[in-house]
Amino acid sequence: MWTNLLKNLPWRSLLLAVVINAFLIGLYYLGYKSGHENATRDGDKAVSELQSAFDTYKTEQATLENAALRAWAKRYQEQ
């Protein structure tokens, strides 16, 4: 009874559908993984650039504040 039903199934079409689905799932997974890696790399690069710019800004600010304090101290000493 069941053997006749199994023999009458379109095995080639089913196998083709399984192969196509496996290919598409693999393609999606690889695209998702590489996209995630690209986003992580780009995000790390952006954070690094922002941190570098902030460090440069803080260094310049410290230099300006130091110069202002030295000028103030010099004026104070001249009194």
PDB file of N, CA and C in Angstrom:
ATOM      1  N   MET A   1       0.820  -1.184   0.000  1.00  0.00           N
ATOM      2  CA  MET A   1       0.000   0.000   0.000  1.00  0.00           C
ATOM      3  C   MET A   1       0.876   1.264   0.000  1.00  0.00           C
ATOM      4  N   TRP A   2       1.794   1.352   0.990  1.00  0.00           N
ATOM      5  CA  TRP A   2       2.650   2.520   1.062  1.00  0.00           C
ATOM      6  C   TRP A   2       3.741   2.512  -0.005  1.00  0.00           C
ATOM      7  N   THR A   3       4.125   1.347  -0.402  1.00  0.00           N
ATOM      8  CA  THR A   3       5.203   1.270  -1.395  1.00  0.00           C
ATOM      9  C   THR A   3       4.765   1.840  -2.729  1.00  0.00           C
ATOM     10  N   ASN A   4       3.519   1.628  -3.088  1.00  0.00           N
ATOM     11  CA  ASN A   4       3.033   2.194  -4.350  1.00  0.00           C
ATOM     12  C   ASN A   4       3.021   3.721  -4.293  1.00  0.00           C
ATOM     13  N   LEU A   5       2.640   4.263  -3.139  1.00  0.00           N
ATOM     14  CA  LEU A   5       2.631   5.723  -3.005  1.00  0.00           C
ATOM     15  C   LEU A   5       4.050   6.287  -3.065  1.00  0.00           C
ATOM     16  N   LEU A   6       4.997   5.589  -2.428  1.00  0.00           N
ATOM     17  CA  LEU A   6       6.386   6.046  -2.462  1.00  0.00           C
ATOM     18  C   LEU A   6       6.979   5.961  -3.861  1.00  0.00           C
ATOM     19  N   LYS A   7       6.613   4.940  -4.590  1.00  0.00           N
ATOM     20  CA  LYS A   7       7.137   4.780  -5.948  1.00  0.00           C
ATOM     21  C   LYS A   7       6.565   5.831  -6.891  1.00  0.00           C
ATOM     22  N   ASN A   8       5.373   6.307  -6.596  1.00  0.00           N
ATOM     23  CA  ASN A   8       4.724   7.266  -7.495  1.00  0.00           C
ATOM     24  C   ASN A   8       5.104   8.722  -7.216  1.00  0.00           C
ATOM     25  N   LEU A   9       5.878   8.971  -6.163  1.00  0.00           N
ATOM     26  CA  LEU A   9       6.298  10.342  -5.871  1.00  0.00           C
ATOM     27  C   LEU A   9       7.281  10.834  -6.938  1.00  0.00           C
ATOM     28  N   PRO A  10       7.211  12.140  -7.277  1.00  0.00           N
ATOM     29  CA  PRO A  10       8.157  12.701  -8.268  1.00  0.00           C
ATOM     30  C   PRO A  10       9.510  12.992  -7.603  1.00  0.00           C
ATOM     31  N   TRP A  11      10.348  11.972  -7.510  1.00  0.00           N
ATOM     32  CA  TRP A  11      11.602  12.087  -6.777  1.00  0.00           C
ATOM     33  C   TRP A  11      12.563  13.105  -7.385  1.00  0.00           C
ATOM     34  N   ARG A  12      12.595  13.202  -8.692  1.00  0.00           N
ATOM     35  CA  ARG A  12      13.511  14.170  -9.320  1.00  0.00           C
ATOM     36  C   ARG A  12      13.125  15.603  -8.958  1.00  0.00           C
ATOM     37  N   SER A  13      11.851  15.899  -9.007  1.00  0.00           N
ATOM     38  CA  SER A  13      11.387  17.249  -8.664  1.00  0.00           C
ATOM     39  C   SER A  13      11.644  17.555  -7.190  1.00  0.00           C
ATOM     40  N   LEU A  14      11.405  16.576  -6.319  1.00  0.00           N
ATOM     41  CA  LEU A  14      11.655  16.779  -4.895  1.00  0.00           C
ATOM     42  C   LEU A  14      13.143  16.997  -4.624  1.00  0.00           C
ATOM     43  N   LEU A  15      13.989  16.201  -5.249  1.00  0.00           N
ATOM     44  CA  LEU A  15      15.430  16.354  -5.073  1.00  0.00           C
ATOM     45  C   LEU A  15      15.906  17.707  -5.598  1.00  0.00           C
ATOM     46  N   LEU A  16      15.375  18.126  -6.741  1.00  0.00           N
ATOM     47  CA  LEU A  16      15.735  19.428  -7.296  1.00  0.00           C
ATOM     48  C   LEU A  16      15.313  20.555  -6.352  1.00  0.00           C
ATOM     49  N   ALA A  17      14.123  20.448  -5.780  1.00  0.00           N
ATOM     50  CA  ALA A  17      13.649  21.465  -4.834  1.00  0.00           C
ATOM     51  C   ALA A  17      14.538  21.503  -3.591  1.00  0.00           C
ATOM     52  N   VAL A  18      14.941  20.350  -3.090  1.00  0.00           N
ATOM     53  CA  VAL A  18      15.812  20.301  -1.912  1.00  0.00           C
ATOM     54  C   VAL A  18      17.176  20.913  -2.231  1.00  0.00           C
ATOM     55  N   VAL A  19      17.731  20.608  -3.385  1.00  0.00           N
ATOM     56  CA  VAL A  19      19.037  21.148  -3.770  1.00  0.00           C
ATOM     57  C   VAL A  19      18.963  22.668  -3.934  1.00  0.00           C
ATOM     58  N   ILE A  20      17.912  23.152  -4.576  1.00  0.00           N
ATOM     59  CA  ILE A  20      17.764  24.600  -4.761  1.00  0.00           C
ATOM     60  C   ILE A  20      17.608  25.297  -3.412  1.00  0.00           C
ATOM     61  N   ASN A  21      16.788  24.727  -2.532  1.00  0.00           N
ATOM     62  CA  ASN A  21      16.618  25.316  -1.200  1.00  0.00           C
ATOM     63  C   ASN A  21      17.929  25.319  -0.420  1.00  0.00           C
ATOM     64  N   ALA A  22      18.674  24.241  -0.482  1.00  0.00           N
ATOM     65  CA  ALA A  22      19.955  24.172   0.227  1.00  0.00           C
ATOM     66  C   ALA A  22      20.917  25.229  -0.315  1.00  0.00           C
ATOM     67  N   PHE A  23      20.935  25.400  -1.631  1.00  0.00           N
ATOM     68  CA  PHE A  23      21.799  26.411  -2.242  1.00  0.00           C
ATOM     69  C   PHE A  23      21.411  27.815  -1.790  1.00  0.00           C
ATOM     70  N   LEU A  24      20.120  28.115  -1.805  1.00  0.00           N
ATOM     71  CA  LEU A  24      19.662  29.449  -1.404  1.00  0.00           C
ATOM     72  C   LEU A  24      19.906  29.721   0.079  1.00  0.00           C
ATOM     73  N   ILE A  25      19.704  28.716   0.908  1.00  0.00           N
ATOM     74  CA  ILE A  25      19.974  28.883   2.340  1.00  0.00           C
ATOM     75  C   ILE A  25      21.468  29.112   2.570  1.00  0.00           C
ATOM     76  N   GLY A  26      22.313  28.353   1.880  1.00  0.00           N
ATOM     77  CA  GLY A  26      23.760  28.551   1.996  1.00  0.00           C
ATOM     78  C   GLY A  26      24.183  29.928   1.515  1.00  0.00           C
ATOM     79  N   LEU A  27      23.607  30.381   0.412  1.00  0.00           N
ATOM     80  CA  LEU A  27      23.918  31.705  -0.118  1.00  0.00           C
ATOM     81  C   LEU A  27      23.499  32.798   0.859  1.00  0.00           C
ATOM     82  N   TYR A  28      22.318  32.650   1.442  1.00  0.00           N
ATOM     83  CA  TYR A  28      21.836  33.623   2.430  1.00  0.00           C
ATOM     84  C   TYR A  28      22.752  33.642   3.650  1.00  0.00           C
ATOM     85  N   TYR A  29      23.132  32.472   4.124  1.00  0.00           N
ATOM     86  CA  TYR A  29      23.987  32.397   5.312  1.00  0.00           C
ATOM     87  C   TYR A  29      25.346  33.044   5.052  1.00  0.00           C
ATOM     88  N   LEU A  30      25.946  32.750   3.903  1.00  0.00           N
ATOM     89  CA  LEU A  30      27.248  33.335   3.591  1.00  0.00           C
ATOM     90  C   LEU A  30      27.146  34.849   3.441  1.00  0.00           C
ATOM     91  N   GLY A  31      26.083  35.325   2.814  1.00  0.00           N
ATOM     92  CA  GLY A  31      25.883  36.767   2.671  1.00  0.00           C
ATOM     93  C   GLY A  31      25.675  37.440   4.009  1.00  0.00           C
ATOM     94  N   TYR A  32      24.920  36.815   4.879  1.00  0.00           N
ATOM     95  CA  TYR A  32      24.671  37.372   6.208  1.00  0.00           C
ATOM     96  C   TYR A  32      25.958  37.432   7.016  1.00  0.00           C
ATOM     97  N   LYS A  33      26.732  36.364   6.940  1.00  0.00           N
ATOM     98  CA  LYS A  33      27.976  36.306   7.718  1.00  0.00           C
ATOM     99  C   LYS A  33      28.975  37.348   7.224  1.00  0.00           C
ATOM    100  N   SER A  34      29.162  37.445   5.913  1.00  0.00           N
ATOM    101  CA  SER A  34      30.123  38.418   5.397  1.00  0.00           C
ATOM    102  C   SER A  34      29.624  39.842   5.619  1.00  0.00           C
ATOM    103  N   GLY A  35      28.312  40.053   5.543  1.00  0.00           N
ATOM    104  CA  GLY A  35      27.764  41.379   5.820  1.00  0.00           C
ATOM    105  C   GLY A  35      27.989  41.783   7.263  1.00  0.00           C
ATOM    106  N   HIS A  36      27.830  40.838   8.160  1.00  0.00           N
ATOM    107  CA  HIS A  36      28.064  41.117   9.585  1.00  0.00           C
ATOM    108  C   HIS A  36      29.530  41.446   9.828  1.00  0.00           C
ATOM    109  N   GLU A  37      30.415  40.702   9.195  1.00  0.00           N
ATOM    110  CA  GLU A  37      31.850  40.971   9.353  1.00  0.00           C
ATOM    111  C   GLU A  37      32.216  42.344   8.785  1.00  0.00           C
ATOM    112  N   ASN A  38      31.637  42.691   7.626  1.00  0.00           N
ATOM    113  CA  ASN A  38      31.914  44.005   7.037  1.00  0.00           C
ATOM    114  C   ASN A  38      31.418  45.130   7.942  1.00  0.00           C
ATOM    115  N   ALA A  39      30.231  44.962   8.491  1.00  0.00           N
ATOM    116  CA  ALA A  39      29.677  45.989   9.376  1.00  0.00           C
ATOM    117  C   ALA A  39      30.517  46.126  10.641  1.00  0.00           C
ATOM    118  N   THR A  40      30.969  45.016  11.183  1.00  0.00           N
ATOM    119  CA  THR A  40      31.818  45.063  12.378  1.00  0.00           C
ATOM    120  C   THR A  40      33.127  45.779  12.074  1.00  0.00           C
ATOM    121  N   ARG A  41      33.732  45.458  10.949  1.00  0.00           N
ATOM    122  CA  ARG A  41      34.999  46.093  10.565  1.00  0.00           C
ATOM    123  C   ARG A  41      34.809  47.597  10.354  1.00  0.00           C
ATOM    124  N   ASP A  42      33.748  47.981   9.634  1.00  0.00           N
ATOM    125  CA  ASP A  42      33.499  49.400   9.380  1.00  0.00           C
ATOM    126  C   ASP A  42      33.192  50.151  10.672  1.00  0.00           C
ATOM    127  N   GLY A  43      32.448  49.513  11.565  1.00  0.00           N
ATOM    128  CA  GLY A  43      32.142  50.143  12.847  1.00  0.00           C
ATOM    129  C   GLY A  43      33.382  50.337  13.693  1.00  0.00           C
ATOM    130  N   ASP A  44      34.241  49.331  13.734  1.00  0.00           N
ATOM    131  CA  ASP A  44      35.493  49.449  14.495  1.00  0.00           C
ATOM    132  C   ASP A  44      36.382  50.551  13.918  1.00  0.00           C
ATOM    133  N   LYS A  45      36.403  50.654  12.591  1.00  0.00           N
ATOM    134  CA  LYS A  45      37.200  51.693  11.945  1.00  0.00           C
ATOM    135  C   LYS A  45      36.657  53.076  12.300  1.00  0.00           C
ATOM    136  N   ALA A  46      35.338  53.234  12.258  1.00  0.00           N
ATOM    137  CA  ALA A  46      34.737  54.528  12.586  1.00  0.00           C
ATOM    138  C   ALA A  46      34.998  54.905  14.040  1.00  0.00           C
ATOM    139  N   VAL A  47      34.872  53.945  14.944  1.00  0.00           N
ATOM    140  CA  VAL A  47      35.139  54.223  16.360  1.00  0.00           C
ATOM    141  C   VAL A  47      36.600  54.613  16.558  1.00  0.00           C
ATOM    142  N   SER A  48      37.499  53.936  15.871  1.00  0.00           N
ATOM    143  CA  SER A  48      38.922  54.252  15.985  1.00  0.00           C
ATOM    144  C   SER A  48      39.210  55.668  15.486  1.00  0.00           C
ATOM    145  N   GLU A  49      38.598  56.041  14.355  1.00  0.00           N
ATOM    146  CA  GLU A  49      38.803  57.385  13.822  1.00  0.00           C
ATOM    147  C   GLU A  49      38.248  58.443  14.777  1.00  0.00           C
ATOM    148  N   LEU A  50      37.071  58.189  15.323  1.00  0.00           N
ATOM    149  CA  LEU A  50      36.487  59.140  16.270  1.00  0.00           C
ATOM    150  C   LEU A  50      37.333  59.258  17.536  1.00  0.00           C
ATOM    151  N   GLN A  51      37.843  58.139  18.019  1.00  0.00           N
ATOM    152  CA  GLN A  51      38.690  58.169  19.214  1.00  0.00           C
ATOM    153  C   GLN A  51      39.976  58.942  18.942  1.00  0.00           C
ATOM    154  N   SER A  52      40.540  58.753  17.753  1.00  0.00           N
ATOM    155  CA  SER A  52      41.756  59.473  17.392  1.00  0.00           C
ATOM    156  C   SER A  52      41.490  60.975  17.310  1.00  0.00           C
ATOM    157  N   ALA A  53      40.377  61.352  16.684  1.00  0.00           N
ATOM    158  CA  ALA A  53      40.030  62.771  16.586  1.00  0.00           C
ATOM    159  C   ALA A  53      39.786  63.368  17.970  1.00  0.00           C
ATOM    160  N   PHE A  54      39.125  62.621  18.826  1.00  0.00           N
ATOM    161  CA  PHE A  54      38.868  63.110  20.181  1.00  0.00           C
ATOM    162  C   PHE A  54      40.164  63.270  20.965  1.00  0.00           C
ATOM    163  N   ASP A  55      41.068  62.309  20.824  1.00  0.00           N
ATOM    164  CA  ASP A  55      42.360  62.408  21.514  1.00  0.00           C
ATOM    165  C   ASP A  55      43.147  63.625  21.031  1.00  0.00           C
ATOM    166  N   THR A  56      43.112  63.877  19.723  1.00  0.00           N
ATOM    167  CA  THR A  56      43.791  65.051  19.172  1.00  0.00           C
ATOM    168  C   THR A  56      43.179  66.327  19.735  1.00  0.00           C
ATOM    169  N   TYR A  57      41.859  66.368  19.784  1.00  0.00           N
ATOM    170  CA  TYR A  57      41.164  67.535  20.334  1.00  0.00           C
ATOM    171  C   TYR A  57      41.542  67.761  21.794  1.00  0.00           C
ATOM    172  N   LYS A  58      41.552  66.685  22.580  1.00  0.00           N
ATOM    173  CA  LYS A  58      41.894  66.824  24.001  1.00  0.00           C
ATOM    174  C   LYS A  58      43.341  67.299  24.171  1.00  0.00           C
ATOM    175  N   THR A  59      44.251  66.827  23.334  1.00  0.00           N
ATOM    176  CA  THR A  59      45.646  67.260  23.401  1.00  0.00           C
ATOM    177  C   THR A  59      45.761  68.747  23.084  1.00  0.00           C
ATOM    178  N   GLU A  60      45.053  69.185  22.032  1.00  0.00           N
ATOM    179  CA  GLU A  60      45.083  70.601  21.672  1.00  0.00           C
ATOM    180  C   GLU A  60      44.481  71.459  22.784  1.00  0.00           C
ATOM    181  N   GLN A  61      43.395  70.996  23.367  1.00  0.00           N
ATOM    182  CA  GLN A  61      42.764  71.738  24.457  1.00  0.00           C
ATOM    183  C   GLN A  61      43.702  71.841  25.658  1.00  0.00           C
ATOM    184  N   ALA A  62      44.369  70.750  25.980  1.00  0.00           N
ATOM    185  CA  ALA A  62      45.308  70.770  27.105  1.00  0.00           C
ATOM    186  C   ALA A  62      46.452  71.738  26.832  1.00  0.00           C
ATOM    187  N   THR A  63      46.934  71.766  25.590  1.00  0.00           N
ATOM    188  CA  THR A  63      48.013  72.689  25.225  1.00  0.00           C
ATOM    189  C   THR A  63      47.552  74.134  25.365  1.00  0.00           C
ATOM    190  N   LEU A  64      46.347  74.435  24.877  1.00  0.00           N
ATOM    191  CA  LEU A  64      45.817  75.797  24.983  1.00  0.00           C
ATOM    192  C   LEU A  64      45.588  76.201  26.438  1.00  0.00           C
ATOM    193  N   GLU A  65      45.041  75.300  27.225  1.00  0.00           N
ATOM    194  CA  GLU A  65      44.807  75.600  28.634  1.00  0.00           C
ATOM    195  C   GLU A  65      46.125  75.802  29.377  1.00  0.00           C
ATOM    196  N   ASN A  66      47.103  74.995  29.038  1.00  0.00           N
ATOM    197  CA  ASN A  66      48.422  75.129  29.666  1.00  0.00           C
ATOM    198  C   ASN A  66      49.047  76.478  29.320  1.00  0.00           C
ATOM    199  N   ALA A  67      48.929  76.879  28.053  1.00  0.00           N
ATOM    200  CA  ALA A  67      49.473  78.178  27.645  1.00  0.00           C
ATOM    201  C   ALA A  67      48.740  79.312  28.357  1.00  0.00           C
ATOM    202  N   ALA A  68      47.427  79.192  28.491  1.00  0.00           N
ATOM    203  CA  ALA A  68      46.659  80.228  29.186  1.00  0.00           C
ATOM    204  C   ALA A  68      47.056  80.300  30.657  1.00  0.00           C
ATOM    205  N   LEU A  69      47.242  79.164  31.283  1.00  0.00           N
ATOM    206  CA  LEU A  69      47.658  79.156  32.687  1.00  0.00           C
ATOM    207  C   LEU A  69      49.053  79.742  32.865  1.00  0.00           C
ATOM    208  N   ARG A  70      49.948  79.436  31.938  1.00  0.00           N
ATOM    209  CA  ARG A  70      51.303  79.999  32.019  1.00  0.00           C
ATOM    210  C   ARG A  70      51.267  81.522  31.858  1.00  0.00           C
ATOM    211  N   ALA A  71      50.436  81.992  30.924  1.00  0.00           N
ATOM    212  CA  ALA A  71      50.315  83.442  30.735  1.00  0.00           C
ATOM    213  C   ALA A  71      49.730  84.087  31.987  1.00  0.00           C
ATOM    214  N   TRP A  72      48.739  83.452  32.567  1.00  0.00           N
ATOM    215  CA  TRP A  72      48.140  83.992  33.787  1.00  0.00           C
ATOM    216  C   TRP A  72      49.161  84.009  34.923  1.00  0.00           C
ATOM    217  N   ALA A  73      49.937  82.936  35.059  1.00  0.00           N
ATOM    218  CA  ALA A  73      50.966  82.867  36.104  1.00  0.00           C
ATOM    219  C   ALA A  73      52.035  83.932  35.879  1.00  0.00           C
ATOM    220  N   LYS A  74      52.393  84.178  34.623  1.00  0.00           N
ATOM    221  CA  LYS A  74      53.400  85.193  34.315  1.00  0.00           C
ATOM    222  C   LYS A  74      52.885  86.577  34.699  1.00  0.00           C
ATOM    223  N   ARG A  75      51.612  86.858  34.351  1.00  0.00           N
ATOM    224  CA  ARG A  75      51.024  88.149  34.730  1.00  0.00           C
ATOM    225  C   ARG A  75      50.949  88.283  36.251  1.00  0.00           C
ATOM    226  N   TYR A  76      50.648  87.197  36.913  1.00  0.00           N
ATOM    227  CA  TYR A  76      50.555  87.224  38.376  1.00  0.00           C
ATOM    228  C   TYR A  76      51.922  87.502  39.002  1.00  0.00           C
ATOM    229  N   GLN A  77      52.966  86.886  38.432  1.00  0.00           N
ATOM    230  CA  GLN A  77      54.315  87.072  38.974  1.00  0.00           C
ATOM    231  C   GLN A  77      54.830  88.491  38.728  1.00  0.00           C
ATOM    232  N   GLU A  78      54.355  89.135  37.660  1.00  0.00           N
ATOM    233  CA  GLU A  78      54.812  90.487  37.337  1.00  0.00           C
ATOM    234  C   GLU A  78      54.199  91.535  38.255  1.00  0.00           C
ATOM    235  N   GLN A  79      53.158  91.192  38.965  1.00  0.00           N
ATOM    236  CA  GLN A  79      52.508  92.177  39.841  1.00  0.00           C
ATOM    237  C   GLN A  79      53.374  92.555  41.000  1.00  0.00           C
TER     238      GLN A  79
END
